[in-house]
Every structure is written in structure tokens, then in C-alpha cells.
C-alpha atoms as a PDB file:
ATOM      1  CA  UNK A   1      95.324 170.760  68.883  1.00  0.00           C
ATOM      2  CA  UNK A   2      92.299 170.241  66.451  1.00  0.00           C
ATOM      3  CA  UNK A   3      89.399 168.027  66.890  1.00  0.00           C
ATOM      4  CA  UNK A   4      90.651 165.243  64.646  1.00  0.00           C
ATOM      5  CA  UNK A   5      93.734 164.468  66.838  1.00  0.00           C
ATOM      6  CA  UNK A   6      91.699 163.965  70.096  1.00  0.00           C
ATOM      7  CA  UNK A   7      91.189 160.367  70.620  1.00  0.00           C
ATOM      8  CA  UNK A   8      87.799 159.035  71.280  1.00  0.00           C
ATOM      9  CA  UNK A   9      87.744 157.355  74.674  1.00  0.00           C
ATOM     10  CA  UNK A  10      85.284 154.743  73.706  1.00  0.00           C
ATOM     11  CA  UNK A  11      87.513 153.621  70.727  1.00  0.00           C
ATOM     12  CA  UNK A  12      90.682 151.607  70.910  1.00  0.00           C
ATOM     13  CA  UNK A  13      93.726 152.425  68.382  1.00  0.00           C
ATOM     14  CA  UNK A  14      94.405 150.157  65.723  1.00  0.00           C
ATOM     15  CA  UNK A  15      97.130 148.055  67.111  1.00  0.00           C
ATOM     16  CA  UNK A  16      98.550 145.011  65.689  1.00  0.00           C
ATOM     17  CA  UNK A  17      96.968 141.791  66.749  1.00  0.00           C
ATOM     18  CA  UNK A  18      98.830 140.025  69.610  1.00  0.00           C
ATOM     19  CA  UNK A  19     100.783 137.016  68.664  1.00  0.00           C
ATOM     20  CA  UNK A  20     100.039 133.848  70.594  1.00  0.00           C
ATOM     21  CA  UNK A  21     102.514 132.343  72.915  1.00  0.00           C
ATOM     22  CA  UNK A  22     104.821 129.805  71.804  1.00  0.00           C
ATOM     23  CA  UNK A  23     103.334 127.376  74.619  1.00  0.00           C
ATOM     24  CA  UNK A  24      99.869 127.999  73.402  1.00  0.00           C
ATOM     25  CA  UNK A  25     100.777 127.471  69.679  1.00  0.00           C
ATOM     26  CA  UNK A  26     102.678 124.358  70.740  1.00  0.00           C
ATOM     27  CA  UNK A  27      99.579 123.250  72.756  1.00  0.00           C
ATOM     28  CA  UNK A  28      97.293 123.907  69.741  1.00  0.00           C
ATOM     29  CA  UNK A  29      99.319 121.843  67.313  1.00  0.00           C
ATOM     30  CA  UNK A  30      99.588 119.031  69.696  1.00  0.00           C
ATOM     31  CA  UNK A  31      95.876 118.816  70.360  1.00  0.00           C
ATOM     32  CA  UNK A  32      95.023 118.979  66.613  1.00  0.00           C
ATOM     33  CA  UNK A  33      93.200 116.054  64.787  1.00  0.00           C
ATOM     34  CA  UNK A  34      96.392 115.318  62.562  1.00  0.00           C
ATOM     35  CA  UNK A  35      98.583 115.149  66.055  1.00  0.00           C
ATOM     36  CA  UNK A  36      95.933 112.677  67.493  1.00  0.00           C
ATOM     37  CA  UNK A  37      95.684 110.516  64.698  1.00  0.00           C
ATOM     38  CA  UNK A  38      99.587 110.483  64.323  1.00  0.00           C
ATOM     39  CA  UNK A  39      99.685 109.557  68.111  1.00  0.00           C
ATOM     40  CA  UNK A  40      97.321 106.894  67.590  1.00  0.00           C
ATOM     41  CA  UNK A  41      99.101 105.160  64.565  1.00  0.00           C
ATOM     42  CA  UNK A  42     102.460 105.477  66.480  1.00  0.00           C
ATOM     43  CA  UNK A  43     100.818 103.829  69.672  1.00  0.00           C
ATOM     44  CA  UNK A  44      99.423 100.989  67.337  1.00  0.00           C
ATOM     45  CA  UNK A  45     102.767 100.309  65.814  1.00  0.00           C
ATOM     46  CA  UNK A  46     104.671 100.334  69.150  1.00  0.00           C
ATOM     47  CA  UNK A  47     102.054  97.899  70.538  1.00  0.00           C
ATOM     48  CA  UNK A  48     102.037  95.327  67.477  1.00  0.00           C
ATOM     49  CA  UNK A  49     105.217  93.561  68.470  1.00  0.00           C
ATOM     50  CA  UNK A  50     103.919  93.288  72.134  1.00  0.00           C
ATOM     51  CA  UNK A  51     100.839  91.942  70.737  1.00  0.00           C
ATOM     52  CA  UNK A  52     102.916  89.412  68.596  1.00  0.00           C
ATOM     53  CA  UNK A  53     104.714  88.356  71.506  1.00  0.00           C
ATOM     54  CA  UNK A  54     101.895  87.913  73.752  1.00  0.00           C
ATOM     55  CA  UNK A  55      99.878  85.720  70.986  1.00  0.00           C
ATOM     56  CA  UNK A  56     103.031  83.739  70.243  1.00  0.00           C
ATOM     57  CA  UNK A  57     103.549  82.834  73.984  1.00  0.00           C
ATOM     58  CA  UNK A  58     100.251  80.744  73.988  1.00  0.00           C
ATOM     59  CA  UNK A  59     101.135  78.932  70.633  1.00  0.00           C
ATOM     60  CA  UNK A  60     102.608  75.487  70.041  1.00  0.00           C
ATOM     61  CA  UNK A  61     106.173  75.110  68.991  1.00  0.00           C
ATOM     62  CA  UNK A  62     105.253  73.783  65.471  1.00  0.00           C
ATOM     63  CA  UNK A  63     103.091  76.774  64.959  1.00  0.00           C
ATOM     64  CA  UNK A  64     105.712  79.205  66.081  1.00  0.00           C
ATOM     65  CA  UNK A  65     108.375  77.572  63.756  1.00  0.00           C
ATOM     66  CA  UNK A  66     105.915  77.552  60.621  1.00  0.00           C
ATOM     67  CA  UNK A  67     103.510  80.343  60.601  1.00  0.00           C
ATOM     68  CA  UNK A  68     103.354  84.006  61.702  1.00  0.00           C
ATOM     69  CA  UNK A  69     101.678  84.838  65.059  1.00  0.00           C
ATOM     70  CA  UNK A  70      98.634  86.742  63.116  1.00  0.00           C
ATOM     71  CA  UNK A  71      97.375  83.025  61.896  1.00  0.00           C
ATOM     72  CA  UNK A  72      96.576  82.205  65.389  1.00  0.00           C
ATOM     73  CA  UNK A  73      93.168  84.349  65.255  1.00  0.00           C
ATOM     74  CA  UNK A  74      92.222  82.036  62.208  1.00  0.00           C
ATOM     75  CA  UNK A  75      93.945  78.768  63.158  1.00  0.00           C
ATOM     76  CA  UNK A  76      93.427  78.658  66.832  1.00  0.00           C
ATOM     77  CA  UNK A  77      95.385  76.065  68.521  1.00  0.00           C
ATOM     78  CA  UNK A  78      96.324  78.320  71.615  1.00  0.00           C
ATOM     79  CA  UNK A  79      97.769  76.447  74.749  1.00  0.00           C
ATOM     80  CA  UNK A  80      99.007  77.171  78.199  1.00  0.00           C
ATOM     81  CA  UNK A  81     101.836  74.471  77.904  1.00  0.00           C
ATOM     82  CA  UNK A  82     104.606  77.201  77.532  1.00  0.00           C
ATOM     83  CA  UNK A  83     103.732  78.814  80.891  1.00  0.00           C
ATOM     84  CA  UNK A  84     103.576  75.470  82.498  1.00  0.00           C
ATOM     85  CA  UNK A  85     106.877  74.548  80.856  1.00  0.00           C
ATOM     86  CA  UNK A  86     108.996  77.614  82.035  1.00  0.00           C
ATOM     87  CA  UNK A  87     108.203  76.723  85.721  1.00  0.00           C
ATOM     88  CA  UNK A  88     109.343  73.244  85.303  1.00  0.00           C
ATOM     89  CA  UNK A  89     113.063  72.968  85.884  1.00  0.00           C
ATOM     90  CA  UNK A  90     113.111  69.197  84.482  1.00  0.00           C
ATOM     91  CA  UNK A  91     112.099  70.767  80.945  1.00  0.00           C
ATOM     92  CA  UNK A  92     114.076  74.183  80.698  1.00  0.00           C
ATOM     93  CA  UNK A  93     116.955  73.412  83.239  1.00  0.00           C
ATOM     94  CA  UNK A  94     116.442  76.801  85.160  1.00  0.00           C
ATOM     95  CA  UNK A  95     114.130  77.516  88.090  1.00  0.00           C
ATOM     96  CA  UNK A  96     112.417  80.917  86.783  1.00  0.00           C
ATOM     97  CA  UNK A  97     110.680  81.286  90.023  1.00  0.00           C
ATOM     98  CA  UNK A  98     114.091  81.219  91.932  1.00  0.00           C
ATOM     99  CA  UNK A  99     115.278  83.790  89.140  1.00  0.00           C
ATOM    100  CA  UNK A 100     112.282  86.342  90.056  1.00  0.00           C
ATOM    101  CA  UNK A 101     113.009  86.144  93.736  1.00  0.00           C
ATOM    102  CA  UNK A 102     116.786  86.861  92.853  1.00  0.00           C
ATOM    103  CA  UNK A 103     115.692  89.783  90.665  1.00  0.00           C
ATOM    104  CA  UNK A 104     113.698  91.271  93.416  1.00  0.00           C
ATOM    105  CA  UNK A 105     116.682  90.727  95.782  1.00  0.00           C
ATOM    106  CA  UNK A 106     118.939  92.624  93.334  1.00  0.00           C
ATOM    107  CA  UNK A 107     116.561  95.253  92.070  1.00  0.00           C
ATOM    108  CA  UNK A 108     115.037  96.736  95.316  1.00  0.00           C
ATOM    109  CA  UNK A 109     118.309  97.447  97.119  1.00  0.00           C
ATOM    110  CA  UNK A 110     119.916  98.360  93.624  1.00  0.00           C
ATOM    111  CA  UNK A 111     117.227 100.918  93.267  1.00  0.00           C
ATOM    112  CA  UNK A 112     117.144 102.204  96.968  1.00  0.00           C
ATOM    113  CA  UNK A 113     120.986 102.706  97.463  1.00  0.00           C
ATOM    114  CA  UNK A 114     121.682 104.977  94.831  1.00  0.00           C
ATOM    115  CA  UNK A 115     118.521 106.798  95.074  1.00  0.00           C
ATOM    116  CA  UNK A 116     119.365 107.439  98.918  1.00  0.00           C
ATOM    117  CA  UNK A 117     122.839 108.635  98.326  1.00  0.00           C
ATOM    118  CA  UNK A 118     122.100 110.491  95.410  1.00  0.00           C
ATOM    119  CA  UNK A 119     119.357 112.589  97.302  1.00  0.00           C
ATOM    120  CA  UNK A 120     122.034 113.523 100.079  1.00  0.00           C
ATOM    121  CA  UNK A 121     124.424 114.406  97.578  1.00  0.00           C
ATOM    122  CA  UNK A 122     121.993 116.543  95.485  1.00  0.00           C
ATOM    123  CA  UNK A 123     120.975 118.381  98.458  1.00  0.00           C
ATOM    124  CA  UNK A 124     124.538 119.177  99.455  1.00  0.00           C
ATOM    125  CA  UNK A 125     125.444 120.249  95.830  1.00  0.00           C
ATOM    126  CA  UNK A 126     122.364 122.710  95.612  1.00  0.00           C
ATOM    127  CA  UNK A 127     122.070 123.969  99.077  1.00  0.00           C
ATOM    128  CA  UNK A 128     125.162 123.522 101.006  1.00  0.00           C
ATOM    129  CA  UNK A 129     128.044 125.825 100.192  1.00  0.00           C
ATOM    130  CA  UNK A 130     131.527 124.353 100.120  1.00  0.00           C
ATOM    131  CA  UNK A 131     134.848 124.692  98.690  1.00  0.00           C
ATOM    132  CA  UNK A 132     135.119 123.134  95.186  1.00  0.00           C
ATOM    133  CA  UNK A 133     131.470 122.428  94.975  1.00  0.00           C
ATOM    134  CA  UNK A 134     131.042 123.433  91.406  1.00  0.00           C
ATOM    135  CA  UNK A 135     134.065 121.410  90.272  1.00  0.00           C
ATOM    136  CA  UNK A 136     133.061 118.277  91.818  1.00  0.00           C
ATOM    137  CA  UNK A 137     129.571 118.439  90.504  1.00  0.00           C
ATOM    138  CA  UNK A 138     131.034 119.127  86.979  1.00  0.00           C
ATOM    139  CA  UNK A 139     133.323 116.004  87.616  1.00  0.00           C
ATOM    140  CA  UNK A 140     130.309 113.857  88.694  1.00  0.00           C
ATOM    141  CA  UNK A 141     128.445 114.967  85.673  1.00  0.00           C
ATOM    142  CA  UNK A 142     131.149 114.035  83.527  1.00  0.00           C
ATOM    143  CA  UNK A 143     131.226 110.304  84.611  1.00  0.00           C
ATOM    144  CA  UNK A 144     127.990 109.903  82.882  1.00  0.00           C
ATOM    145  CA  UNK A 145     129.964 109.454  79.714  1.00  0.00           C
ATOM    146  CA  UNK A 146     132.046 106.393  80.757  1.00  0.00           C
ATOM    147  CA  UNK A 147     130.635 103.441  79.260  1.00  0.00           C
ATOM    148  CA  UNK A 148     129.799 100.505  81.438  1.00  0.00           C
ATOM    149  CA  UNK A 149     131.960  98.202  79.759  1.00  0.00           C
ATOM    150  CA  UNK A 150     134.974 100.344  80.835  1.00  0.00           C
ATOM    151  CA  UNK A 151     134.284  99.889  84.357  1.00  0.00           C
ATOM    152  CA  UNK A 152     133.693  96.133  84.663  1.00  0.00           C
ATOM    153  CA  UNK A 153     137.328  95.375  84.916  1.00  0.00           C
ATOM    154  CA  UNK A 154     138.362  97.665  87.681  1.00  0.00           C
ATOM    155  CA  UNK A 155     135.149  96.851  89.597  1.00  0.00           C
ATOM    156  CA  UNK A 156     135.731  93.150  89.349  1.00  0.00           C
ATOM    157  CA  UNK A 157     139.351  93.786  90.443  1.00  0.00           C
ATOM    158  CA  UNK A 158     137.942  96.020  93.428  1.00  0.00           C
ATOM    159  CA  UNK A 159     135.579  93.200  94.695  1.00  0.00           C
ATOM    160  CA  UNK A 160     137.784  89.928  93.981  1.00  0.00           C
ATOM    161  CA  UNK A 161     141.470  91.289  95.125  1.00  0.00           C
ATOM    162  CA  UNK A 162     140.927  94.693  96.981  1.00  0.00           C
ATOM    163  CA  UNK A 163     142.531  97.627  95.832  1.00  0.00           C
ATOM    164  CA  UNK A 164     145.070 100.472  97.428  1.00  0.00           C
ATOM    165  CA  UNK A 165     144.613 103.820  97.039  1.00  0.00           C
ATOM    166  CA  UNK A 166     147.483 105.646  98.751  1.00  0.00           C
ATOM    167  CA  UNK A 167     147.147 105.108 102.397  1.00  0.00           C
ATOM    168  CA  UNK A 168     143.583 103.701 102.044  1.00  0.00           C
ATOM    169  CA  UNK A 169     143.423  99.921 101.602  1.00  0.00           C
ATOM    170  CA  UNK A 170     140.097  98.604 100.326  1.00  0.00           C
ATOM    171  CA  UNK A 171     139.739  95.057 101.052  1.00  0.00           C
ATOM    172  CA  UNK A 172     137.928  92.556  98.882  1.00  0.00           C
ATOM    173  CA  UNK A 173     134.307  91.524  99.259  1.00  0.00           C
ATOM    174  CA  UNK A 174     135.101  87.703  98.637  1.00  0.00           C
ATOM    175  CA  UNK A 175     133.325  85.003  97.189  1.00  0.00           C
ATOM    176  CA  UNK A 176     130.798  84.806  99.825  1.00  0.00           C
ATOM    177  CA  UNK A 177     129.610  88.558  99.599  1.00  0.00           C
ATOM    178  CA  UNK A 178     126.256  87.446  98.224  1.00  0.00           C
ATOM    179  CA  UNK A 179     124.390  90.302  96.461  1.00  0.00           C
ATOM    180  CA  UNK A 180     126.633  92.912  97.748  1.00  0.00           C
ATOM    181  CA  UNK A 181     128.783  93.223  94.724  1.00  0.00           C
ATOM    182  CA  UNK A 182     126.034  93.435  92.562  1.00  0.00           C
ATOM    183  CA  UNK A 183     124.105  96.259  94.842  1.00  0.00           C
ATOM    184  CA  UNK A 184     127.534  98.150  94.718  1.00  0.00           C
ATOM    185  CA  UNK A 185     128.106  97.982  91.289  1.00  0.00           C
ATOM    186  CA  UNK A 186     124.400  99.098  90.288  1.00  0.00           C
ATOM    187  CA  UNK A 187     125.043 101.777  92.809  1.00  0.00           C
ATOM    188  CA  UNK A 188     128.369 103.295  91.466  1.00  0.00           C
ATOM    189  CA  UNK A 189     127.013 103.009  87.962  1.00  0.00           C
ATOM    190  CA  UNK A 190     123.786 105.007  88.585  1.00  0.00           C
ATOM    191  CA  UNK A 191     124.986 107.711  91.091  1.00  0.00           C
ATOM    192  CA  UNK A 192     126.252 110.177  88.396  1.00  0.00           C
ATOM    193  CA  UNK A 193     123.031 110.467  86.454  1.00  0.00           C
ATOM    194  CA  UNK A 194     120.830 110.191  89.662  1.00  0.00           C
ATOM    195  CA  UNK A 195     122.696 113.026  91.394  1.00  0.00           C
ATOM    196  CA  UNK A 196     122.482 115.216  88.235  1.00  0.00           C
ATOM    197  CA  UNK A 197     118.769 114.667  87.770  1.00  0.00           C
ATOM    198  CA  UNK A 198     117.847 115.227  91.461  1.00  0.00           C
ATOM    199  CA  UNK A 199     120.134 118.093  91.892  1.00  0.00           C
ATOM    200  CA  UNK A 200     118.208 119.933  88.945  1.00  0.00           C
ATOM    201  CA  UNK A 201     114.965 119.249  90.874  1.00  0.00           C
ATOM    202  CA  UNK A 202     116.148 120.369  94.304  1.00  0.00           C
ATOM    203  CA  UNK A 203     118.247 123.192  93.064  1.00  0.00           C
ATOM    204  CA  UNK A 204     115.145 124.690  91.723  1.00  0.00           C
ATOM    205  CA  UNK A 205     112.943 124.758  94.882  1.00  0.00           C
ATOM    206  CA  UNK A 206     112.035 128.312  96.152  1.00  0.00           C
ATOM    207  CA  UNK A 207     114.752 129.935  98.284  1.00  0.00           C
ATOM    208  CA  UNK A 208     112.291 131.461 100.280  1.00  0.00           C
ATOM    209  CA  UNK A 209     111.346 128.061 102.021  1.00  0.00           C
ATOM    210  CA  UNK A 210     114.830 127.575 103.037  1.00  0.00           C
ATOM    211  CA  UNK A 211     115.257 130.920 104.680  1.00  0.00           C
ATOM    212  CA  UNK A 212     112.155 130.757 106.301  1.00  0.00           C
ATOM    213  CA  UNK A 213     113.055 127.163 107.745  1.00  0.00           C
ATOM    214  CA  UNK A 214     116.612 128.534 108.829  1.00  0.00           C
ATOM    215  CA  UNK A 215     114.979 131.422 110.756  1.00  0.00           C
ATOM    216  CA  UNK A 216     112.815 129.054 112.739  1.00  0.00           C
ATOM    217  CA  UNK A 217     116.042 127.418 113.909  1.00  0.00           C
ATOM    218  CA  UNK A 218     115.850 124.323 111.462  1.00  0.00           C
ATOM    219  CA  UNK A 219     119.250 122.655 110.375  1.00  0.00           C
ATOM    220  CA  UNK A 220     120.131 120.961 107.226  1.00  0.00           C
ATOM    221  CA  UNK A 221     118.744 117.525 108.398  1.00  0.00           C
ATOM    222  CA  UNK A 222     115.316 119.071 109.485  1.00  0.00           C
ATOM    223  CA  UNK A 223     115.156 121.000 106.132  1.00  0.00           C
ATOM    224  CA  UNK A 224     116.047 117.796 104.309  1.00  0.00           C
ATOM    225  CA  UNK A 225     113.529 115.637 105.877  1.00  0.00           C
ATOM    226  CA  UNK A 226     110.594 118.049 106.201  1.00  0.00           C
ATOM    227  CA  UNK A 227     110.794 120.274 103.173  1.00  0.00           C
ATOM    228  CA  UNK A 228     113.096 118.866 100.415  1.00  0.00           C
ATOM    229  CA  UNK A 229     112.161 115.105 100.607  1.00  0.00           C
ATOM    230  CA  UNK A 230     108.295 115.945 100.612  1.00  0.00           C
ATOM    231  CA  UNK A 231     108.520 118.287  97.663  1.00  0.00           C
ATOM    232  CA  UNK A 232     110.932 116.054  95.631  1.00  0.00           C
ATOM    233  CA  UNK A 233     108.721 113.110  96.045  1.00  0.00           C
ATOM    234  CA  UNK A 234     107.439 113.381  92.160  1.00  0.00           C
ATOM    235  CA  UNK A 235     111.106 113.420  90.966  1.00  0.00           C
ATOM    236  CA  UNK A 236     111.921 110.584  93.429  1.00  0.00           C
ATOM    237  CA  UNK A 237     109.453 108.421  92.204  1.00  0.00           C
ATOM    238  CA  UNK A 238     110.110 109.081  88.560  1.00  0.00           C
ATOM    239  CA  UNK A 239     113.920 108.019  89.074  1.00  0.00           C
ATOM    240  CA  UNK A 240     113.057 105.094  91.299  1.00  0.00           C
ATOM    241  CA  UNK A 241     111.009 103.736  88.481  1.00  0.00           C
ATOM    242  CA  UNK A 242     113.631 104.339  85.748  1.00  0.00           C
ATOM    243  CA  UNK A 243     116.253 102.810  88.013  1.00  0.00           C
ATOM    244  CA  UNK A 244     114.117  99.700  88.939  1.00  0.00           C
ATOM    245  CA  UNK A 245     113.555  98.966  85.369  1.00  0.00           C
ATOM    246  CA  UNK A 246     117.113  99.486  84.517  1.00  0.00           C
ATOM    247  CA  UNK A 247     118.291  97.021  87.164  1.00  0.00           C
ATOM    248  CA  UNK A 248     115.400  94.719  86.633  1.00  0.00           C
ATOM    249  CA  UNK A 249     116.486  94.393  82.684  1.00  0.00           C
ATOM    250  CA  UNK A 250     120.134  94.426  83.427  1.00  0.00           C
ATOM    251  CA  UNK A 251     122.029  91.259  82.028  1.00  0.00           C
ATOM    252  CA  UNK A 252     125.919  92.510  81.597  1.00  0.00           C
ATOM    253  CA  UNK A 253     126.453  93.104  85.242  1.00  0.00           C
ATOM    254  CA  UNK A 254     124.525  90.112  86.609  1.00  0.00           C
ATOM    255  CA  UNK A 255     126.581  88.029  84.083  1.00  0.00           C
ATOM    256  CA  UNK A 256     129.952  89.482  85.379  1.00  0.00           C
ATOM    257  CA  UNK A 257     129.333  89.492  89.481  1.00  0.00           C
ATOM    258  CA  UNK A 258     126.464  87.000  89.923  1.00  0.00           C
ATOM    259  CA  UNK A 259     127.096  83.481  90.876  1.00  0.00           C
ATOM    260  CA  UNK A 260     125.147  80.439  89.698  1.00  0.00           C
ATOM    261  CA  UNK A 261     122.855  80.739  92.812  1.00  0.00           C
ATOM    262  CA  UNK A 262     122.226  84.393  92.537  1.00  0.00           C
ATOM    263  CA  UNK A 263     121.249  84.693  88.957  1.00  0.00           C
ATOM    264  CA  UNK A 264     118.364  86.940  88.155  1.00  0.00           C
ATOM    265  CA  UNK A 265     115.565  86.417  85.609  1.00  0.00           C
ATOM    266  CA  UNK A 266     117.464  87.908  82.704  1.00  0.00           C
ATOM    267  CA  UNK A 267     120.417  85.539  83.207  1.00  0.00           C
ATOM    268  CA  UNK A 268     117.730  82.582  83.645  1.00  0.00           C
ATOM    269  CA  UNK A 269     116.115  83.499  80.083  1.00  0.00           C
ATOM    270  CA  UNK A 270     119.500  83.241  78.352  1.00  0.00           C
ATOM    271  CA  UNK A 271     120.086  79.871  79.894  1.00  0.00           C
ATOM    272  CA  UNK A 272     116.828  78.700  79.375  1.00  0.00           C
ATOM    273  CA  UNK A 273     117.278  78.945  75.549  1.00  0.00           C
ATOM    274  CA  UNK A 274     120.489  76.847  75.567  1.00  0.00           C
ATOM    275  CA  UNK A 275     123.540  77.139  73.448  1.00  0.00           C
ATOM    276  CA  UNK A 276     121.491  75.827  70.468  1.00  0.00           C
ATOM    277  CA  UNK A 277     118.480  77.851  70.935  1.00  0.00           C
ATOM    278  CA  UNK A 278     116.292  74.659  71.327  1.00  0.00           C
ATOM    279  CA  UNK A 279     113.692  76.468  73.740  1.00  0.00           C
ATOM    280  CA  UNK A 280     113.445  79.898  71.845  1.00  0.00           C
ATOM    281  CA  UNK A 281     109.630  79.101  71.738  1.00  0.00           C
ATOM    282  CA  UNK A 282     109.245  79.552  75.341  1.00  0.00           C
ATOM    283  CA  UNK A 283     111.110  83.087  75.312  1.00  0.00           C
ATOM    284  CA  UNK A 284     107.683  84.775  74.860  1.00  0.00           C
ATOM    285  CA  UNK A 285     106.244  83.264  77.659  1.00  0.00           C
ATOM    286  CA  UNK A 286     109.090  83.953  79.937  1.00  0.00           C
ATOM    287  CA  UNK A 287     109.160  87.498  78.828  1.00  0.00           C
ATOM    288  CA  UNK A 288     105.714  88.090  79.943  1.00  0.00           C
ATOM    289  CA  UNK A 289     106.314  86.495  83.005  1.00  0.00           C
ATOM    290  CA  UNK A 290     109.207  88.802  83.532  1.00  0.00           C
ATOM    291  CA  UNK A 291     107.565  92.213  82.942  1.00  0.00           C
ATOM    292  CA  UNK A 292     104.867  91.365  85.497  1.00  0.00           C
ATOM    293  CA  UNK A 293     106.617  92.815  88.669  1.00  0.00           C
ATOM    294  CA  UNK A 294     107.786  96.011  86.549  1.00  0.00           C
ATOM    295  CA  UNK A 295     104.595  96.679  85.363  1.00  0.00           C
ATOM    296  CA  UNK A 296     103.186  96.426  88.927  1.00  0.00           C
ATOM    297  CA  UNK A 297     105.684  98.827  90.063  1.00  0.00           C
ATOM    298  CA  UNK A 298     104.991 101.337  87.306  1.00  0.00           C
ATOM    299  CA  UNK A 299     101.289 101.123  87.779  1.00  0.00           C
ATOM    300  CA  UNK A 300     101.709 101.600  91.563  1.00  0.00           C
ATOM    301  CA  UNK A 301     103.676 104.757  91.113  1.00  0.00           C
ATOM    302  CA  UNK A 302     102.144 106.010  87.800  1.00  0.00           C
ATOM    303  CA  UNK A 303     100.629 109.170  89.551  1.00  0.00           C
ATOM    304  CA  UNK A 304     103.948 110.178  91.102  1.00  0.00           C
ATOM    305  CA  UNK A 305     105.639 109.581  87.607  1.00  0.00           C
ATOM    306  CA  UNK A 306     103.275 111.824  85.584  1.00  0.00           C
ATOM    307  CA  UNK A 307     103.832 114.483  88.466  1.00  0.00           C
ATOM    308  CA  UNK A 308     107.458 113.961  88.183  1.00  0.00           C
ATOM    309  CA  UNK A 309     107.474 114.480  84.470  1.00  0.00           C
ATOM    310  CA  UNK A 310     105.332 117.722  84.675  1.00  0.00           C
ATOM    311  CA  UNK A 311     107.387 119.194  87.480  1.00  0.00           C
ATOM    312  CA  UNK A 312     108.388 122.416  86.612  1.00  0.00           C
ATOM    313  CA  UNK A 313     106.705 122.634  83.266  1.00  0.00           C
ATOM    314  CA  UNK A 314     104.058 125.042  84.653  1.00  0.00           C
ATOM    315  CA  UNK A 315     104.203 127.732  87.636  1.00  0.00           C
ATOM    316  CA  UNK A 316     101.730 128.863  89.777  1.00  0.00           C
END
């Protein structure tokens, strides 16, 4: 061995530069000035229609019909009469306050029922071995592609006249079922996607937690209540927000299954306009009244929502 072949311990070999990781490159691009400016422009463009709707809710019917909403900043003429009118049943022929209460009566159970059932099903599919588990889960996952319009007639027939499945007889709910038919419809339609999303989160929990709990003598009930529920709270909050918004903004199911005294705010808005669109200038004010409660729900669960979106994105 010659002296030229001996490596100096104080020197480092000329190795090729280490390539940055994909996550670091993506993070660097998203935090650049170009990405920031693009995000601001998208946010402004996304907010402009909402701003126009807000300004229009304070304008008179003549101003709405003759000029654009941006002229309100120079012409003025803003009024609160639109907000007073939508709460006057003699002027709009609907009771918006009653519609808000009906929406709450529909939305709260319509969000809690599918979420509770989906949590139990997701835990069973993820951590309880039984025969045919994978095939049943695939079948539930495939139900997501069924359009809502295709299940309207079977559900309406099931609720109105009942159904017979072999030896099982399902009795109809009848006309005095109240909100039960709407709750069941939302629950049935929400279960496939909710089970799929919760299953993906619960199945990713560390197996060591469940093994340690079983060694300590915990059963499935204790594991579900003391381990799964606390750890899955971010995912639960995220799905609860989405389900609340879906049920609150629903119109099709409410039109099919609700009676005149059970109409939610979405049906009230369509009835307020009338068949000839005579109250279209009031829609902007009524729309902002209808988004107050969903906005409060989102703000109240925002921290859980962000944690749910980031769950599983990082490790450690």
C-alpha cells in the first residue's frame, strides 16, 4: 500500500451531494413567495362572491335589480329591511325561525347517528377478526358509488308501506313518524363513507396499544371507550363537521321525506322565493342567516378539524 492510497481521517471523501427529501422539496415550494401570492389570489377570488352576497343582503330590491353589488360602496343606500322581512311570515309566507329549529332537529341526530354506528363498525372491521370481514368491508366501500337519487324510491317505499325480506317484515314508519324517516335516510346514506374514513384512521393505530390493553384484561368495550375514542377524536370531529354541513345544506332528502311542519331552512328558502321568483332579493339575507349555525359549529371544532386533517401526516 502506498502513501497516496491512505485516506486522511481529517478529510471526507468526495461523495455526491445528498438529494433533499420529497417532503422537504414540497414544503419549500409551498412556502415560497410565488406559492404565497397564488394562495392569496385564490383566497380573494374565492371570497369575492361571498362578499357580493353579503353586500347585496343590505341593498334595496330596486338597487339589486338595476346595478351591481359593487356600486353600493359609492351609492350607499344600505338597509336592514331585508333581514326584517325574512322573519316576517306575512311578507315571505314562511317562518324562517321555525325552519332553523327544524334544521337543528334534523341535523344534530342526522350527524350523531351515522357517526356512532360508523365508529362501532369501523372498530369491528379494523380490530375484531371474523369470517367474511374483508368482503363485507369491500361491499360497504362499494356502496359509495350508488347515487342518492337511486335510493329515494326504495327508501320512500320502505318508510311508507314497509317491506318484506324473506321472513323479516319491516313495518312502515307511518305518517306520524316525525323526523325519524329523515334521520334514517341521512344515516343510511352517510354510513358507507363514514365507515370507510373511520376505518382507515382506527386501523392505523399502533397494535402495541391493543396488545397491552388485552394483557391487562381489557375487553373490546373498554378498548373502544378508553383507547380508540380518545385517539380518534380528531377524525371524529372532522367527519362530524362534514356530516353536519351535508345534512344542514341538504334539500333533496328534506323535500322527499319531510312534511310541511318539518321543513328545514333549505326548503324554507325555496318556498320563500315563490314559483315566480318574486322574493329573489331576499335570498342573500336568508342565506347568511342560514350559515350562522354551521359557521359556529366549524369555529367551535376548528382545532379538532385541523388535527384531523394532519393526523397521520407526520410521525413521532
